[in-house]
Protein backbone atom coordinates (compact mmCIF):
# COMPACT_ATOMS: atom_id res chain seq x y z
CA MET A 1 -1.79 35.88 -15.40
CA HIS A 2 -2.97 33.48 -18.19
CA ASP A 3 -3.51 30.39 -18.04
CA THR A 4 -1.33 27.76 -20.33
CA GLN A 5 -2.61 24.71 -21.72
CA PRO A 6 -0.08 22.36 -19.47
CA THR A 7 -2.27 24.29 -16.13
CA SER A 8 -5.09 23.71 -18.17
CA ARG A 9 -4.60 19.97 -18.79
CA LEU A 10 -3.97 19.84 -15.11
CA SER A 11 -7.45 21.68 -13.83
CA ALA A 12 -8.91 18.74 -15.65
CA ILE A 13 -7.69 15.81 -14.38
CA PRO A 14 -10.29 14.56 -11.77
CA ARG A 15 -9.36 15.74 -7.99
CA GLY A 16 -9.57 12.02 -7.13
CA VAL A 17 -6.08 10.89 -9.00
CA TRP A 18 -5.29 14.50 -7.39
CA ALA A 19 -5.86 12.68 -3.89
CA LEU A 20 -4.24 9.16 -4.83
CA GLY A 21 -1.22 11.17 -6.10
CA PHE A 22 -0.52 12.58 -3.03
CA VAL A 23 -1.57 9.28 -0.67
CA SER A 24 0.93 7.74 -2.94
CA MET A 25 3.69 10.67 -2.61
CA PHE A 26 3.46 10.89 1.61
CA MET A 27 4.18 6.55 1.42
CA ASP A 28 6.68 6.59 -0.61
CA ILE A 29 8.39 9.49 1.07
CA SER A 30 8.67 7.21 4.19
CA SER A 31 8.73 3.53 2.35
CA GLU A 32 11.83 5.01 0.18
CA MET A 33 13.43 6.92 3.47
CA ILE A 34 13.62 3.15 4.59
CA HIS A 35 14.51 1.59 1.42
CA ALA A 36 17.42 3.73 0.75
CA LEU A 37 19.24 2.57 3.24
CA LEU A 38 18.16 -0.58 3.99
CA PRO A 39 20.15 -2.52 1.55
CA VAL A 40 23.61 -0.68 2.80
CA TYR A 41 21.90 -1.52 6.26
CA MET A 42 21.67 -5.09 5.84
CA VAL A 43 25.25 -5.64 4.33
CA THR A 44 27.37 -3.30 6.11
CA ALA A 45 25.21 -3.81 9.96
CA LEU A 46 24.18 -7.23 9.75
CA GLY A 47 26.23 -8.28 7.28
CA ALA A 48 23.82 -10.01 4.45
CA SER A 49 25.74 -11.06 1.15
CA ALA A 50 24.67 -9.52 -1.88
CA LEU A 51 22.30 -13.01 -2.94
CA SER A 52 20.28 -12.14 0.54
CA VAL A 53 19.56 -8.79 -0.53
CA GLY A 54 18.28 -10.06 -3.84
CA VAL A 55 16.22 -12.21 -2.58
CA ILE A 56 14.59 -10.36 0.54
CA GLU A 57 13.78 -7.88 -1.90
CA GLY A 58 12.47 -9.71 -4.90
CA ILE A 59 10.32 -11.52 -1.96
CA ALA A 60 8.82 -8.92 -0.97
CA GLU A 61 7.83 -7.47 -4.08
CA ALA A 62 6.58 -10.71 -5.03
CA THR A 63 4.41 -10.56 -2.04
CA ALA A 64 3.01 -7.38 -2.94
CA ALA A 65 2.05 -8.76 -6.13
CA ILE A 66 0.47 -11.91 -5.09
CA VAL A 67 -1.85 -10.23 -2.72
CA LYS A 68 -2.97 -7.66 -5.71
CA VAL A 69 -4.72 -10.30 -7.44
CA GLY A 70 -6.80 -11.14 -4.86
CA SER A 71 -7.44 -7.78 -3.68
CA GLY A 72 -8.22 -6.40 -7.22
CA THR A 73 -10.58 -9.08 -7.91
CA LEU A 74 -12.44 -8.37 -4.19
CA SER A 75 -12.57 -4.62 -5.36
CA ASP A 76 -14.33 -5.63 -8.53
CA TRP A 77 -17.03 -8.27 -6.65
CA LEU A 78 -17.08 -5.62 -3.75
CA GLY A 79 -18.10 -2.76 -6.80
CA ARG A 80 -15.74 -0.50 -4.06
CA ARG A 81 -12.35 0.34 -4.20
CA LYS A 82 -11.56 2.41 -1.46
CA PRO A 83 -11.60 -0.17 1.35
CA LEU A 84 -9.37 -1.82 0.45
CA ILE A 85 -6.77 1.19 -0.46
CA LEU A 86 -7.57 2.48 3.31
CA LEU A 87 -6.70 -0.93 4.51
CA GLY A 88 -3.41 -1.32 2.53
CA TYR A 89 -1.94 2.19 3.37
CA GLY A 90 -3.41 1.71 7.21
CA LEU A 91 -1.05 -1.95 7.38
CA ALA A 92 1.82 0.36 5.62
CA ALA A 93 1.97 2.40 7.80
CA PHE A 94 1.00 0.52 11.30
CA THR A 95 4.19 -1.56 10.15
CA LYS A 96 6.81 1.12 9.90
CA PRO A 97 7.60 1.18 13.68
CA ILE A 98 9.00 -1.74 12.93
CA PHE A 99 11.99 -1.32 10.78
CA PRO A 100 13.49 0.51 13.89
CA LEU A 101 12.67 -2.00 16.72
CA ALA A 102 14.13 -4.67 14.61
CA PRO A 103 16.87 -6.54 16.41
CA SER A 104 18.17 -8.85 13.58
CA LEU A 105 17.78 -9.67 9.97
CA SER A 106 15.14 -11.93 10.10
CA TRP A 107 13.06 -8.97 12.10
CA LEU A 108 13.84 -6.80 8.87
CA VAL A 109 12.65 -9.33 6.45
CA ALA A 110 9.55 -10.17 8.50
CA ALA A 111 8.64 -5.98 8.69
CA ARG A 112 9.60 -6.08 4.45
CA PHE A 113 7.13 -8.85 4.41
CA VAL A 114 4.11 -7.37 6.36
CA ASP A 115 4.83 -3.59 4.43
CA ARG A 116 4.76 -5.57 1.30
CA VAL A 117 1.21 -6.91 2.00
CA GLY A 118 -0.10 -3.61 2.69
CA LYS A 119 1.14 -2.77 -0.76
CA GLY A 120 -0.62 -5.60 -2.62
CA ILE A 121 -3.82 -5.06 -0.91
CA ARG A 122 -3.71 -1.32 -1.83
CA GLY A 123 -2.12 -1.58 -5.39
CA ALA A 124 -4.51 -3.19 -7.65
CA PRO A 125 -7.60 -0.76 -6.46
CA ARG A 126 -5.73 1.30 -6.59
CA ASP A 127 -4.76 1.56 -10.13
CA ALA A 128 -8.72 0.55 -11.16
CA LEU A 129 -9.67 3.27 -8.99
CA VAL A 130 -7.21 6.34 -11.60
CA ALA A 131 -9.09 4.69 -14.28
CA ASP A 132 -12.33 4.40 -12.91
CA LEU A 133 -12.17 8.56 -12.01
CA ALA A 134 -9.84 9.50 -14.92
CA PRO A 135 -11.73 9.90 -18.71
CA PRO A 136 -10.56 8.11 -21.39
CA GLU A 137 -8.89 10.89 -23.42
CA LEU A 138 -6.73 11.86 -20.39
CA ARG A 139 -5.78 7.91 -18.82
CA ALA A 140 -2.36 8.28 -19.41
CA GLN A 141 -1.89 11.72 -18.19
CA SER A 142 -4.11 10.61 -15.28
CA PHE A 143 -1.42 7.64 -14.73
CA GLY A 144 1.34 9.85 -15.41
CA LEU A 145 0.40 12.57 -12.54
CA ARG A 146 -0.30 9.67 -10.32
CA GLN A 147 3.54 8.51 -11.10
CA SER A 148 4.99 11.73 -10.98
CA LEU A 149 3.66 12.99 -7.50
CA ASP A 150 4.97 8.99 -6.03
CA THR A 151 8.23 9.23 -8.07
CA VAL A 152 8.66 12.85 -6.17
CA GLY A 153 7.90 11.15 -3.06
CA ALA A 154 10.29 8.26 -4.04
CA PHE A 155 13.05 11.35 -4.56
CA VAL A 156 12.06 13.21 -1.65
CA GLY A 157 12.56 9.90 0.74
CA PRO A 158 16.21 9.54 0.35
CA VAL A 159 16.74 13.39 0.14
CA ILE A 160 15.69 13.81 4.08
CA ALA A 161 17.72 10.26 4.45
CA LEU A 162 20.35 11.78 3.75
CA LEU A 163 20.06 14.79 5.35
CA LEU A 164 19.30 12.92 8.70
CA MET A 165 22.23 10.29 8.10
CA TRP A 166 24.19 13.64 8.15
CA LEU A 167 22.75 15.49 11.31
CA THR A 168 22.89 11.92 13.41
CA ALA A 169 26.33 10.86 12.07
CA GLY A 170 24.95 7.80 10.20
CA HIS A 171 22.23 6.93 12.70
CA PHE A 172 19.78 4.45 10.57
CA HIS A 173 17.43 4.50 13.41
CA THR A 174 16.53 7.55 14.03
CA VAL A 175 15.74 7.84 9.93
CA PHE A 176 13.56 4.85 10.22
CA TRP A 177 11.70 6.33 13.22
CA ILE A 178 11.06 9.02 11.42
CA ALA A 179 9.88 7.66 8.35
CA ALA A 180 6.97 6.99 10.14
CA ILE A 181 5.78 10.47 10.29
CA PRO A 182 4.76 10.56 6.56
CA ALA A 183 3.19 7.21 6.27
CA PHE A 184 0.23 8.01 8.79
CA MET A 185 -0.08 11.47 6.96
CA SER A 186 -0.54 9.64 3.95
CA PHE A 187 -2.71 6.71 5.26
CA LEU A 188 -5.23 10.01 6.67
CA ILE A 189 -5.17 11.72 2.81
CA ALA A 190 -6.55 8.34 1.55
CA LEU A 191 -8.77 8.35 4.16
CA LEU A 192 -10.42 11.98 4.29
CA LEU A 193 -10.05 12.61 0.63
CA VAL A 194 -10.07 9.95 -1.97
CA PRO A 195 -13.36 9.54 -2.91
CA GLU A 196 -15.44 6.34 -4.26
CA PRO A 197 -17.29 6.88 -7.11
CA MET A 198 -20.75 5.30 -8.35
CA ARG A 199 -19.60 2.73 -10.79
CA ALA A 200 -22.26 1.60 -13.84
CA THR A 201 -23.64 -2.06 -13.87
CA SER A 202 -24.70 -4.04 -16.01
CA GLY A 203 -27.23 -4.93 -13.50
CA GLU A 204 -26.50 -8.40 -13.22
CA PRO A 205 -25.00 -9.85 -9.57
CA ARG A 206 -21.10 -9.75 -8.72
CA ARG A 207 -19.54 -13.01 -8.73
CA PRO A 208 -15.99 -13.84 -7.95
CA MET A 209 -13.72 -13.74 -10.51
CA LEU A 210 -11.02 -15.75 -9.53
CA THR A 211 -12.54 -18.79 -12.09
CA ARG A 212 -10.61 -19.88 -15.21
CA ALA A 213 -13.42 -18.90 -17.16
CA SER A 214 -13.04 -15.37 -15.73
CA LEU A 215 -9.25 -15.26 -16.95
CA LEU A 216 -10.38 -16.07 -20.37
CA GLN A 217 -12.95 -13.37 -21.01
CA LEU A 218 -10.16 -10.48 -20.39
CA PRO A 219 -8.49 -10.22 -23.71
CA ALA A 220 -5.60 -11.77 -26.10
CA SER A 221 -3.83 -8.06 -25.83
CA PHE A 222 -4.10 -8.10 -22.39
CA TRP A 223 -2.06 -10.95 -21.93
CA TRP A 224 -0.10 -9.87 -24.67
CA MET A 225 0.99 -7.18 -23.46
CA THR A 226 1.47 -8.11 -19.53
CA GLY A 227 3.64 -11.08 -21.16
CA ILE A 228 6.16 -8.32 -22.70
CA ALA A 229 5.79 -6.68 -19.51
CA THR A 230 6.93 -9.24 -17.53
CA LEU A 231 9.83 -10.39 -19.89
CA PHE A 232 10.83 -6.68 -19.26
CA THR A 233 10.52 -6.99 -15.34
CA LEU A 234 13.45 -9.22 -15.36
CA ALA A 235 15.61 -7.45 -16.95
CA ARG A 236 14.28 -4.28 -14.61
CA PHE A 237 15.35 -5.66 -11.38
CA SER A 238 15.18 -4.41 -8.15
CA GLU A 239 16.92 -1.00 -7.79
CA ALA A 240 18.95 -2.11 -4.52
CA PHE A 241 21.21 -3.25 -7.13
CA LEU A 242 22.42 0.39 -7.92
CA LEU A 243 22.69 1.09 -4.04
CA LEU A 244 24.91 -1.83 -4.07
CA GLU A 245 26.91 -0.69 -7.19
CA ALA A 246 27.51 2.75 -5.11
CA THR A 247 28.30 0.53 -2.04
CA ARG A 248 30.80 -1.46 -4.34
CA LEU A 249 32.49 2.11 -5.89
CA ASP A 250 33.10 2.93 -2.01
CA VAL A 251 30.56 6.20 -2.01
CA PRO A 252 30.00 6.11 1.56
CA ALA A 253 27.14 4.74 3.61
CA MET A 254 26.19 8.65 3.94
CA LEU A 255 25.87 9.87 0.36
CA VAL A 256 24.53 5.88 -0.75
CA PRO A 257 21.00 7.59 -0.90
CA LEU A 258 22.22 10.23 -3.67
CA VAL A 259 21.80 7.49 -6.25
CA LEU A 260 17.76 6.84 -5.65
CA ILE A 261 17.56 10.61 -5.39
CA GLY A 262 19.09 11.04 -8.87
CA MET A 263 16.79 8.14 -10.03
CA ASN A 264 13.63 9.47 -8.76
CA LEU A 265 14.56 12.92 -10.00
CA VAL A 266 14.74 11.91 -13.39
CA TYR A 267 11.64 9.36 -13.02
CA ALA A 268 9.28 12.02 -11.61
CA ALA A 269 10.42 15.05 -14.36
CA ALA A 270 9.32 12.34 -16.74
CA ALA A 271 6.65 10.45 -16.13
CA TYR A 272 3.81 12.97 -16.34
CA PRO A 273 5.08 14.79 -19.70
CA VAL A 274 4.86 10.85 -21.00
CA GLY A 275 1.76 10.75 -19.97
CA ILE A 276 0.74 13.76 -21.82
CA ALA A 277 2.72 12.57 -25.06
CA ALA A 278 1.31 9.52 -25.08
CA ASP A 279 -2.46 10.93 -25.45
CA ARG A 280 -1.51 12.87 -28.16
CA LEU A 281 0.92 10.50 -30.33
CA GLY A 282 0.18 6.87 -28.47
CA LYS A 283 1.92 4.84 -26.73
CA ALA A 284 3.89 2.28 -28.38
CA GLY A 285 6.91 4.30 -29.42
CA LEU A 286 7.19 5.99 -26.20
CA LEU A 287 7.26 2.81 -24.56
CA GLN A 288 9.89 1.41 -27.26
CA ALA A 289 11.72 4.47 -26.18
CA GLY A 290 11.49 3.54 -22.49
CA ILE A 291 13.04 0.04 -23.13
CA GLY A 292 15.79 1.24 -25.03
CA LEU A 293 16.84 3.29 -22.55
CA LEU A 294 16.86 0.37 -19.81
CA VAL A 295 19.03 -0.76 -22.28
CA ALA A 296 21.38 2.51 -22.48
CA ALA A 297 21.27 2.14 -18.26
CA ASP A 298 22.67 -1.40 -18.21
CA LEU A 299 25.31 -0.78 -20.63
CA ALA A 300 26.67 2.66 -19.00
CA LEU A 301 26.69 0.58 -15.37
CA ALA A 302 28.68 -2.31 -17.11
CA LEU A 303 30.89 -0.74 -19.43
CA VAL A 304 31.28 3.00 -18.34
CA PRO A 305 34.03 2.88 -15.39
CA GLY A 306 33.37 4.55 -12.29
CA ILE A 307 31.38 7.27 -11.20
CA ALA A 308 30.40 8.36 -14.26
CA GLY A 309 28.95 5.39 -15.09
CA LEU A 310 27.06 4.99 -12.22
CA ALA A 311 25.48 8.47 -12.43
CA LEU A 312 25.06 7.83 -16.54
CA GLY A 313 23.36 4.46 -15.53
CA THR A 314 21.33 5.67 -13.01
CA ALA A 315 19.92 8.67 -14.96
CA PHE A 316 18.89 6.78 -17.89
CA TRP A 317 17.55 4.18 -14.90
CA GLY A 318 15.48 6.90 -13.89
CA LEU A 319 14.33 7.65 -17.66
CA HIS A 320 13.26 4.44 -18.76
CA MET A 321 10.91 4.35 -15.69
CA GLY A 322 9.29 7.79 -16.22
CA PHE A 323 8.80 6.24 -20.01
CA THR A 324 7.14 2.79 -19.28
CA GLN A 325 5.79 2.54 -15.46
CA GLY A 326 2.40 5.03 -16.35
CA LEU A 327 2.11 3.83 -20.13
CA PHE A 328 1.80 -0.07 -18.77
CA ALA A 329 -0.67 0.68 -16.18
CA ALA A 330 -2.64 2.67 -18.96
CA LEU A 331 -2.32 -0.12 -21.28
CA VAL A 332 -4.45 -2.33 -18.71
CA ALA A 333 -7.02 -0.02 -18.66
CA ASP A 334 -7.09 0.18 -22.53
CA THR A 335 -6.78 -3.62 -23.03
CA ALA A 336 -9.42 -4.99 -20.08
CA PRO A 337 -13.03 -4.12 -19.85
CA PRO A 338 -14.25 -1.61 -17.39
CA GLU A 339 -16.08 -4.37 -14.65
CA ARG A 340 -12.45 -6.62 -14.74
CA ARG A 341 -10.13 -3.80 -13.94
CA GLY A 342 -9.52 -4.70 -10.68
CA THR A 343 -9.05 -8.70 -11.50
CA ALA A 344 -6.95 -7.29 -14.48
CA TYR A 345 -4.54 -5.59 -12.53
CA GLY A 346 -4.16 -7.74 -10.08
CA PHE A 347 -2.84 -10.28 -12.42
CA TYR A 348 -0.74 -7.81 -14.19
CA ASN A 349 1.18 -7.28 -10.93
CA LEU A 350 1.05 -10.85 -10.06
CA VAL A 351 3.02 -11.78 -13.07
CA THR A 352 5.29 -9.10 -13.43
CA GLY A 353 5.79 -9.12 -9.52
CA LEU A 354 6.94 -12.92 -9.98
CA GLY A 355 9.34 -11.29 -12.51
CA LEU A 356 10.70 -9.12 -10.52
CA LEU A 357 11.28 -12.03 -7.61
CA LEU A 358 12.84 -14.13 -10.52
CA ALA A 359 14.92 -10.80 -11.78
CA SER A 360 16.32 -9.78 -8.10
CA VAL A 361 17.17 -13.59 -7.41
CA ILE A 362 18.95 -14.19 -10.69
CA ALA A 363 20.72 -10.63 -10.22
CA GLY A 364 22.09 -11.43 -7.20
CA LEU A 365 22.99 -14.93 -7.83
CA LEU A 366 25.29 -13.32 -11.42
CA TRP A 367 26.22 -10.72 -8.48
CA ASP A 368 28.21 -12.84 -6.43
CA ALA A 369 29.31 -15.33 -9.02
CA PHE A 370 30.51 -12.56 -12.00
CA GLY A 371 30.31 -9.44 -10.66
CA PRO A 372 28.22 -6.55 -11.66
CA GLN A 373 29.34 -6.12 -15.30
CA ILE A 374 27.64 -9.59 -16.11
CA THR A 375 24.60 -8.54 -14.33
CA PHE A 376 23.59 -5.34 -16.04
CA LEU A 377 24.67 -6.74 -19.34
CA ALA A 378 22.22 -9.35 -18.70
CA GLY A 379 19.58 -7.08 -18.21
CA ALA A 380 20.26 -5.35 -21.29
CA VAL A 381 19.75 -8.49 -22.98
CA LEU A 382 16.74 -9.25 -21.57
CA ALA A 383 15.48 -5.57 -22.36
CA GLY A 384 16.60 -6.00 -26.06
CA VAL A 385 14.81 -9.19 -26.46
CA SER A 386 11.75 -7.64 -24.99
CA ALA A 387 11.59 -4.69 -27.44
CA LEU A 388 11.43 -7.01 -30.11
CA LEU A 389 8.62 -9.09 -28.73
CA LEU A 390 6.82 -5.52 -28.10
CA ARG A 391 7.01 -4.94 -31.66
CA LEU A 392 5.68 -8.20 -32.86
CA TRP A 393 2.96 -7.50 -30.53
CA LEU A 394 2.23 -3.95 -32.18
CA ARG A 395 1.87 -5.29 -35.71
CA LYS A 396 0.18 -8.13 -35.04
CA ASP A 397 -2.72 -6.42 -32.91
CA LYS A 398 -2.26 -2.89 -34.24
CA VAL A 399 -2.00 -1.31 -30.96
CA ARG A 400 -1.42 2.27 -30.52
């Protein structure tokens, strides 16, 4: 058999990036087995409201974002990424058994909180390590590959959850217990196969970087990009609301994971090809297309009735994720100096994470007060505004 161009591209991506991709994949299998069922479990079994789901999801993601600032900066200061990556994945793995043991909503909130602390510890050092390992001409592809493998996990996890719910006649706790297995597999792969490359230094001693002066050394293009991404995040509230929409349409609890399965299948299929196209053609046009896909997703969810609207909106939602998440991550590496990548990823994730907290709370309030249609229409408006700001930034800095 002759090698094809896509195969040669895949083989050119460093093995460490592949290892990080599989670490992400197995952890996402575990997390999404739980996440695919958790909003429904909280509402149907524990009596939580949509606002409660939004607040819990928002706090969980904001917690991860806040922790990323410290871990990203610490990885720059130490000159090492792997110890923090191991700590983050280890904490997430050892937290998973709390979910089936939790006797009340407060225990679930605590488990979700600790799990997200682990995500926060590993997130910025992991993204910075991908940028350290990948050559510039393969950067968007490398982020796209890691994101695709991560999203394969986000697709496989709900599939397993769906099958287990069918086999166990809807026994949530059994699914939560089995979800712990891939989490520990993820930790072992990170321990054994993720490298810690030598990084070039200036010869000067490393100093803590959480200072006003250090932030001012991050270029204006980084802050512009982060601001646009944050506004975009306000439009891209938690996927938990897709699950709530499925529940509102009387989709049986056993079949609700199909929403995340469909979304993540599209996401995984799109992320790596978009990365290849971005390295060849530039990131700007593809990022604008991704924002437009979110507008389309929100409009479908708001205006197309019934299961057809849910299916169409979910597919567009997955496409917009594939078009935007890897590209935003690659743009952080493009706009931040190499010695401050951990700090840059930390602050990027902090600001966008706080945006996700605000977005999820607002979505929960709108949902409870006015219903899902207004919630999704508000998301479409905010996505449109972020697209306009992106065009302004591209004209200003001539970033491609």
